[in-house]
PDB file of N, CA and C in Angstrom:
ATOM      1  N   MET A   1     -10.347  -2.963   4.374  1.00  0.00           N
ATOM      2  CA  MET A   1      -9.019  -3.446   4.677  1.00  0.00           C
ATOM      3  C   MET A   1      -9.029  -4.132   6.041  1.00  0.00           C
ATOM      4  N   LYS A   2      -8.349  -5.253   6.120  1.00  0.00           N
ATOM      5  CA  LYS A   2      -8.323  -5.979   7.395  1.00  0.00           C
ATOM      6  C   LYS A   2      -7.419  -5.269   8.395  1.00  0.00           C
ATOM      7  N   ASP A   3      -7.710  -5.475   9.670  1.00  0.00           N
ATOM      8  CA  ASP A   3      -6.879  -4.880  10.715  1.00  0.00           C
ATOM      9  C   ASP A   3      -5.491  -5.502  10.715  1.00  0.00           C
ATOM     10  N   VAL A   4      -4.499  -4.661  10.881  1.00  0.00           N
ATOM     11  CA  VAL A   4      -3.112  -5.113  10.974  1.00  0.00           C
ATOM     12  C   VAL A   4      -2.792  -5.301  12.454  1.00  0.00           C
ATOM     13  N   LYS A   5      -2.135  -6.394  12.765  1.00  0.00           N
ATOM     14  CA  LYS A   5      -1.736  -6.694  14.142  1.00  0.00           C
ATOM     15  C   LYS A   5      -0.229  -6.859  14.187  1.00  0.00           C
ATOM     16  N   ILE A   6       0.332  -6.832  15.386  1.00  0.00           N
ATOM     17  CA  ILE A   6       1.778  -6.969  15.538  1.00  0.00           C
ATOM     18  C   ILE A   6       2.263  -8.280  14.931  1.00  0.00           C
ATOM     19  N   GLU A   7       1.484  -9.334  15.044  1.00  0.00           N
ATOM     20  CA  GLU A   7       1.925 -10.628  14.527  1.00  0.00           C
ATOM     21  C   GLU A   7       1.580 -10.850  13.055  1.00  0.00           C
ATOM     22  N   SER A   8       0.950  -9.875  12.407  1.00  0.00           N
ATOM     23  CA  SER A   8       0.586 -10.040  11.004  1.00  0.00           C
ATOM     24  C   SER A   8       1.822  -9.953  10.102  1.00  0.00           C
ATOM     25  N   PRO A   9       1.798 -10.665   8.981  1.00  0.00           N
ATOM     26  CA  PRO A   9       2.940 -10.640   8.057  1.00  0.00           C
ATOM     27  C   PRO A   9       3.260  -9.236   7.545  1.00  0.00           C
ATOM     28  N   GLU A  10       2.221  -8.419   7.358  1.00  0.00           N
ATOM     29  CA  GLU A  10       2.442  -7.058   6.861  1.00  0.00           C
ATOM     30  C   GLU A  10       3.263  -6.228   7.851  1.00  0.00           C
ATOM     31  N   PHE A  11       2.908  -6.330   9.123  1.00  0.00           N
ATOM     32  CA  PHE A  11       3.624  -5.543  10.128  1.00  0.00           C
ATOM     33  C   PHE A  11       5.036  -6.090  10.332  1.00  0.00           C
ATOM     34  N   LYS A  12       5.176  -7.397  10.274  1.00  0.00           N
ATOM     35  CA  LYS A  12       6.513  -7.993  10.390  1.00  0.00           C
ATOM     36  C   LYS A  12       7.412  -7.528   9.248  1.00  0.00           C
ATOM     37  N   ARG A  13       6.848  -7.384   8.057  1.00  0.00           N
ATOM     38  CA  ARG A  13       7.610  -6.896   6.908  1.00  0.00           C
ATOM     39  C   ARG A  13       8.056  -5.454   7.133  1.00  0.00           C
ATOM     40  N   ILE A  14       7.184  -4.634   7.686  1.00  0.00           N
ATOM     41  CA  ILE A  14       7.539  -3.245   7.997  1.00  0.00           C
ATOM     42  C   ILE A  14       8.690  -3.205   8.992  1.00  0.00           C
ATOM     43  N   MET A  15       8.582  -4.010  10.056  1.00  0.00           N
ATOM     44  CA  MET A  15       9.630  -4.029  11.075  1.00  0.00           C
ATOM     45  C   MET A  15      10.954  -4.545  10.514  1.00  0.00           C
ATOM     46  N   LYS A  16      10.900  -5.525   9.639  1.00  0.00           N
ATOM     47  CA  LYS A  16      12.119  -6.041   9.021  1.00  0.00           C
ATOM     48  C   LYS A  16      12.766  -4.968   8.147  1.00  0.00           C
ATOM     49  N   ASN A  17      11.947  -4.251   7.376  1.00  0.00           N
ATOM     50  CA  ASN A  17      12.482  -3.174   6.533  1.00  0.00           C
ATOM     51  C   ASN A  17      13.119  -2.080   7.376  1.00  0.00           C
ATOM     52  N   LEU A  18      12.491  -1.730   8.497  1.00  0.00           N
ATOM     53  CA  LEU A  18      13.081  -0.743   9.396  1.00  0.00           C
ATOM     54  C   LEU A  18      14.415  -1.240   9.949  1.00  0.00           C
ATOM     55  N   HIS A  19      14.457  -2.509  10.305  1.00  0.00           N
ATOM     56  CA  HIS A  19      15.691  -3.103  10.834  1.00  0.00           C
ATOM     57  C   HIS A  19      16.817  -3.046   9.788  1.00  0.00           C
ATOM     58  N   LEU A  20      16.478  -3.306   8.539  1.00  0.00           N
ATOM     59  CA  LEU A  20      17.474  -3.243   7.469  1.00  0.00           C
ATOM     60  C   LEU A  20      18.031  -1.831   7.303  1.00  0.00           C
ATOM     61  N   GLU A  21      17.249  -0.836   7.672  1.00  0.00           N
ATOM     62  CA  GLU A  21      17.684   0.562   7.605  1.00  0.00           C
ATOM     63  C   GLU A  21      18.272   1.032   8.935  1.00  0.00           C
ATOM     64  N   ASN A  22      18.516   0.087   9.848  1.00  0.00           N
ATOM     65  CA  ASN A  22      19.051   0.383  11.184  1.00  0.00           C
ATOM     66  C   ASN A  22      18.131   1.294  11.989  1.00  0.00           C
ATOM     67  N   LEU A  23      16.836   1.067  11.841  1.00  0.00           N
ATOM     68  CA  LEU A  23      15.822   1.817  12.585  1.00  0.00           C
ATOM     69  C   LEU A  23      14.979   0.829  13.384  1.00  0.00           C
ATOM     70  N   SER A  24      14.396   1.307  14.453  1.00  0.00           N
ATOM     71  CA  SER A  24      13.510   0.448  15.240  1.00  0.00           C
ATOM     72  C   SER A  24      12.429   1.296  15.892  1.00  0.00           C
ATOM     73  N   LEU A  25      11.353   0.632  16.294  1.00  0.00           N
ATOM     74  CA  LEU A  25      10.251   1.277  17.003  1.00  0.00           C
ATOM     75  C   LEU A  25      10.067   0.565  18.327  1.00  0.00           C
ATOM     76  N   ASN A  26       9.952   1.343  19.406  1.00  0.00           N
ATOM     77  CA  ASN A  26       9.680   0.692  20.683  1.00  0.00           C
ATOM     78  C   ASN A  26       8.242   0.185  20.694  1.00  0.00           C
ATOM     79  N   LYS A  27       7.924  -0.652  21.654  1.00  0.00           N
ATOM     80  CA  LYS A  27       6.612  -1.303  21.710  1.00  0.00           C
ATOM     81  C   LYS A  27       5.463  -0.285  21.743  1.00  0.00           C
ATOM     82  N   GLY A  28       5.640   0.796  22.507  1.00  0.00           N
ATOM     83  CA  GLY A  28       4.593   1.814  22.593  1.00  0.00           C
ATOM     84  C   GLY A  28       4.331   2.484  21.256  1.00  0.00           C
ATOM     85  N   LEU A  29       5.393   2.795  20.543  1.00  0.00           N
ATOM     86  CA  LEU A  29       5.244   3.433  19.236  1.00  0.00           C
ATOM     87  C   LEU A  29       4.661   2.455  18.216  1.00  0.00           C
ATOM     88  N   GLN A  30       5.019   1.174  18.333  1.00  0.00           N
ATOM     89  CA  GLN A  30       4.424   0.165  17.450  1.00  0.00           C
ATOM     90  C   GLN A  30       2.912   0.136  17.627  1.00  0.00           C
ATOM     91  N   GLU A  31       2.443   0.203  18.879  1.00  0.00           N
ATOM     92  CA  GLU A  31       1.005   0.206  19.143  1.00  0.00           C
ATOM     93  C   GLU A  31       0.323   1.438  18.546  1.00  0.00           C
ATOM     94  N   LYS A  32       0.970   2.609  18.684  1.00  0.00           N
ATOM     95  CA  LYS A  32       0.404   3.839  18.117  1.00  0.00           C
ATOM     96  C   LYS A  32       0.331   3.761  16.605  1.00  0.00           C
ATOM     97  N   VAL A  33       1.359   3.183  15.978  1.00  0.00           N
ATOM     98  CA  VAL A  33       1.364   3.024  14.528  1.00  0.00           C
ATOM     99  C   VAL A  33       0.215   2.116  14.099  1.00  0.00           C
ATOM    100  N   LEU A  34       0.044   1.013  14.804  1.00  0.00           N
ATOM    101  CA  LEU A  34      -1.050   0.095  14.475  1.00  0.00           C
ATOM    102  C   LEU A  34      -2.415   0.764  14.629  1.00  0.00           C
ATOM    103  N   GLU A  35      -2.587   1.548  15.687  1.00  0.00           N
ATOM    104  CA  GLU A  35      -3.856   2.262  15.881  1.00  0.00           C
ATOM    105  C   GLU A  35      -4.124   3.202  14.711  1.00  0.00           C
ATOM    106  N   THR A  36      -3.101   3.904  14.272  1.00  0.00           N
ATOM    107  CA  THR A  36      -3.248   4.851  13.156  1.00  0.00           C
ATOM    108  C   THR A  36      -3.581   4.117  11.868  1.00  0.00           C
ATOM    109  N   ILE A  37      -2.859   3.028  11.606  1.00  0.00           N
ATOM    110  CA  ILE A  37      -3.114   2.248  10.385  1.00  0.00           C
ATOM    111  C   ILE A  37      -4.529   1.691  10.395  1.00  0.00           C
ATOM    112  N   ASN A  38      -4.945   1.141  11.520  1.00  0.00           N
ATOM    113  CA  ASN A  38      -6.261   0.503  11.607  1.00  0.00           C
ATOM    114  C   ASN A  38      -7.406   1.503  11.691  1.00  0.00           C
ATOM    115  N   ALA A  39      -7.104   2.772  11.907  1.00  0.00           N
ATOM    116  CA  ALA A  39      -8.157   3.796  11.954  1.00  0.00           C
ATOM    117  C   ALA A  39      -8.537   4.270  10.552  1.00  0.00           C
ATOM    118  N   ASP A  40      -7.895   3.698   9.539  1.00  0.00           N
ATOM    119  CA  ASP A  40      -8.154   4.068   8.134  1.00  0.00           C
ATOM    120  C   ASP A  40      -7.907   5.544   7.860  1.00  0.00           C
ATOM    121  N   LYS A  41      -6.969   6.130   8.603  1.00  0.00           N
ATOM    122  CA  LYS A  41      -6.571   7.508   8.334  1.00  0.00           C
ATOM    123  C   LYS A  41      -5.516   7.495   7.236  1.00  0.00           C
ATOM    124  N   PRO A  42      -5.493   8.525   6.412  1.00  0.00           N
ATOM    125  CA  PRO A  42      -4.408   8.589   5.429  1.00  0.00           C
ATOM    126  C   PRO A  42      -3.075   8.811   6.154  1.00  0.00           C
ATOM    127  N   ILE A  43      -2.050   8.095   5.739  1.00  0.00           N
ATOM    128  CA  ILE A  43      -0.727   8.225   6.345  1.00  0.00           C
ATOM    129  C   ILE A  43       0.017   9.308   5.574  1.00  0.00           C
ATOM    130  N   THR A  44       0.188  10.439   6.231  1.00  0.00           N
ATOM    131  CA  THR A  44       0.851  11.592   5.620  1.00  0.00           C
ATOM    132  C   THR A  44       2.101  11.935   6.417  1.00  0.00           C
ATOM    133  N   PRO A  45       2.982  12.731   5.846  1.00  0.00           N
ATOM    134  CA  PRO A  45       4.165  13.150   6.607  1.00  0.00           C
ATOM    135  C   PRO A  45       3.809  13.805   7.939  1.00  0.00           C
ATOM    136  N   SER A  46       2.739  14.591   7.978  1.00  0.00           N
ATOM    137  CA  SER A  46       2.369  15.253   9.233  1.00  0.00           C
ATOM    138  C   SER A  46       1.882  14.244  10.280  1.00  0.00           C
ATOM    139  N   VAL A  47       1.186  13.196   9.846  1.00  0.00           N
ATOM    140  CA  VAL A  47       0.742  12.156  10.776  1.00  0.00           C
ATOM    141  C   VAL A  47       1.960  11.428  11.346  1.00  0.00           C
ATOM    142  N   ILE A  48       2.932  11.125  10.494  1.00  0.00           N
ATOM    143  CA  ILE A  48       4.149  10.442  10.946  1.00  0.00           C
ATOM    144  C   ILE A  48       4.923  11.323  11.922  1.00  0.00           C
ATOM    145  N   LYS A  49       5.078  12.598  11.598  1.00  0.00           N
ATOM    146  CA  LYS A  49       5.788  13.522  12.492  1.00  0.00           C
ATOM    147  C   LYS A  49       5.078  13.624  13.840  1.00  0.00           C
ATOM    148  N   ASP A  50       3.751  13.661  13.818  1.00  0.00           N
ATOM    149  CA  ASP A  50       2.985  13.730  15.056  1.00  0.00           C
ATOM    150  C   ASP A  50       3.206  12.483  15.907  1.00  0.00           C
ATOM    151  N   LEU A  51       3.169  11.306  15.287  1.00  0.00           N
ATOM    152  CA  LEU A  51       3.421  10.059  16.020  1.00  0.00           C
ATOM    153  C   LEU A  51       4.815  10.053  16.633  1.00  0.00           C
ATOM    154  N   LEU A  52       5.806  10.483  15.868  1.00  0.00           N
ATOM    155  CA  LEU A  52       7.180  10.488  16.373  1.00  0.00           C
ATOM    156  C   LEU A  52       7.378  11.499  17.493  1.00  0.00           C
ATOM    157  N   SER A  53       6.704  12.637  17.412  1.00  0.00           N
ATOM    158  CA  SER A  53       6.865  13.648  18.460  1.00  0.00           C
ATOM    159  C   SER A  53       6.204  13.208  19.768  1.00  0.00           C
ATOM    160  N   ARG A  54       5.140  12.397  19.674  1.00  0.00           N
ATOM    161  CA  ARG A  54       4.467  11.906  20.875  1.00  0.00           C
ATOM    162  C   ARG A  54       5.033  10.576  21.352  1.00  0.00           C
ATOM    163  N   GLY A  55       5.864   9.919  20.506  1.00  0.00           N
ATOM    164  CA  GLY A  55       6.382   8.587  20.796  1.00  0.00           C
ATOM    165  C   GLY A  55       7.384   8.596  21.878  1.00  0.00           C
TER     166      GLY A  55
END
């Protein structure tokens, strides 16, 4: 899988979907999300909760 970047269409789609749900991620949390996605780790509820608690 190719690396996802902030300017990639995939990440822009995620941010747009969050915006439609009246949610947003600050720049620091966006970077952490990208690191997690690009590390090829499975995205589980516990991983998401961990990111949000440290965000």
